[in-house]
Protein backbone atom coordinates (compact mmCIF):
# COMPACT_ATOMS: atom_id res chain seq x y z
CA MET A 1 234.84 -23.06 252.40
CA LYS A 2 233.85 -24.50 248.66
CA VAL A 3 237.81 -24.65 247.87
CA PHE A 4 238.62 -26.63 251.20
CA ILE A 5 236.27 -29.09 249.98
CA GLY A 6 237.02 -29.23 246.40
CA SER A 7 241.10 -29.75 247.64
CA VAL A 8 239.87 -32.32 250.02
CA ILE A 9 238.38 -34.28 247.27
CA ILE A 10 241.25 -33.79 244.86
CA ILE A 11 243.93 -35.31 247.31
CA LEU A 12 241.81 -38.18 248.10
CA ILE A 13 240.83 -38.67 244.60
CA ILE A 14 245.15 -38.31 243.92
CA CYS A 15 245.91 -40.40 246.64
CA PHE A 16 243.16 -43.90 245.33
CA GLY A 17 244.89 -43.61 242.31
CA ILE A 18 247.85 -43.56 243.84
CA TRP A 19 246.81 -46.89 245.80
CA LEU A 20 245.24 -48.48 242.67
CA MET A 21 248.85 -48.32 241.28
CA LEU A 22 250.85 -49.78 244.00
CA SER A 23 248.20 -52.52 244.42
CA PRO A 24 249.40 -54.96 241.84
CA SER A 25 252.86 -54.24 244.02
CA PHE A 26 251.81 -55.22 247.38
CA LYS A 27 250.35 -58.57 245.64
CA LYS A 28 253.46 -59.51 244.06
CA VAL A 29 255.45 -58.41 247.59
CA GLY A 30 252.99 -60.84 249.48
CA ASP A 31 253.26 -63.97 246.85
CA ALA A 32 257.38 -63.57 247.31
CA ALA A 33 257.05 -63.83 250.90
CA HIS A 34 254.36 -66.79 250.59
CA LYS A 35 257.04 -68.73 248.56
CA LEU A 36 260.04 -67.68 250.71
CA LYS A 37 257.47 -69.20 253.59
CA ASP A 38 257.14 -72.39 252.10
CA LYS A 39 260.98 -72.52 251.03
CA LEU A 40 261.76 -72.00 254.88
CA GLU A 41 259.09 -74.74 255.73
CA GLU A 42 260.04 -77.10 253.59
CA ASP A 43 263.97 -76.70 254.48
CA GLU A 44 262.65 -77.09 258.05
CA ASN A 45 260.20 -80.54 257.45
CA GLY A 46 262.21 -81.85 254.87
CA THR A 47 259.40 -82.15 252.50
CA SER A 48 257.50 -79.54 250.50
CA GLU A 49 253.77 -79.43 250.23
CA LYS A 50 253.41 -80.40 246.83
CA GLU A 51 254.80 -84.04 247.72
CA LYS A 52 252.08 -84.59 250.44
């Protein structure tokens, strides 16, 4: 039982570490998607948010 609990804790720590390493990547992907969305809206409206 102690081995099982220790293994689960180690797996959770490893998953948390991987999540911390990948989280900046998700932010970059989100920023890129936001820029693309703004560009598409600009093309549809003919104006950008910065010009308003």
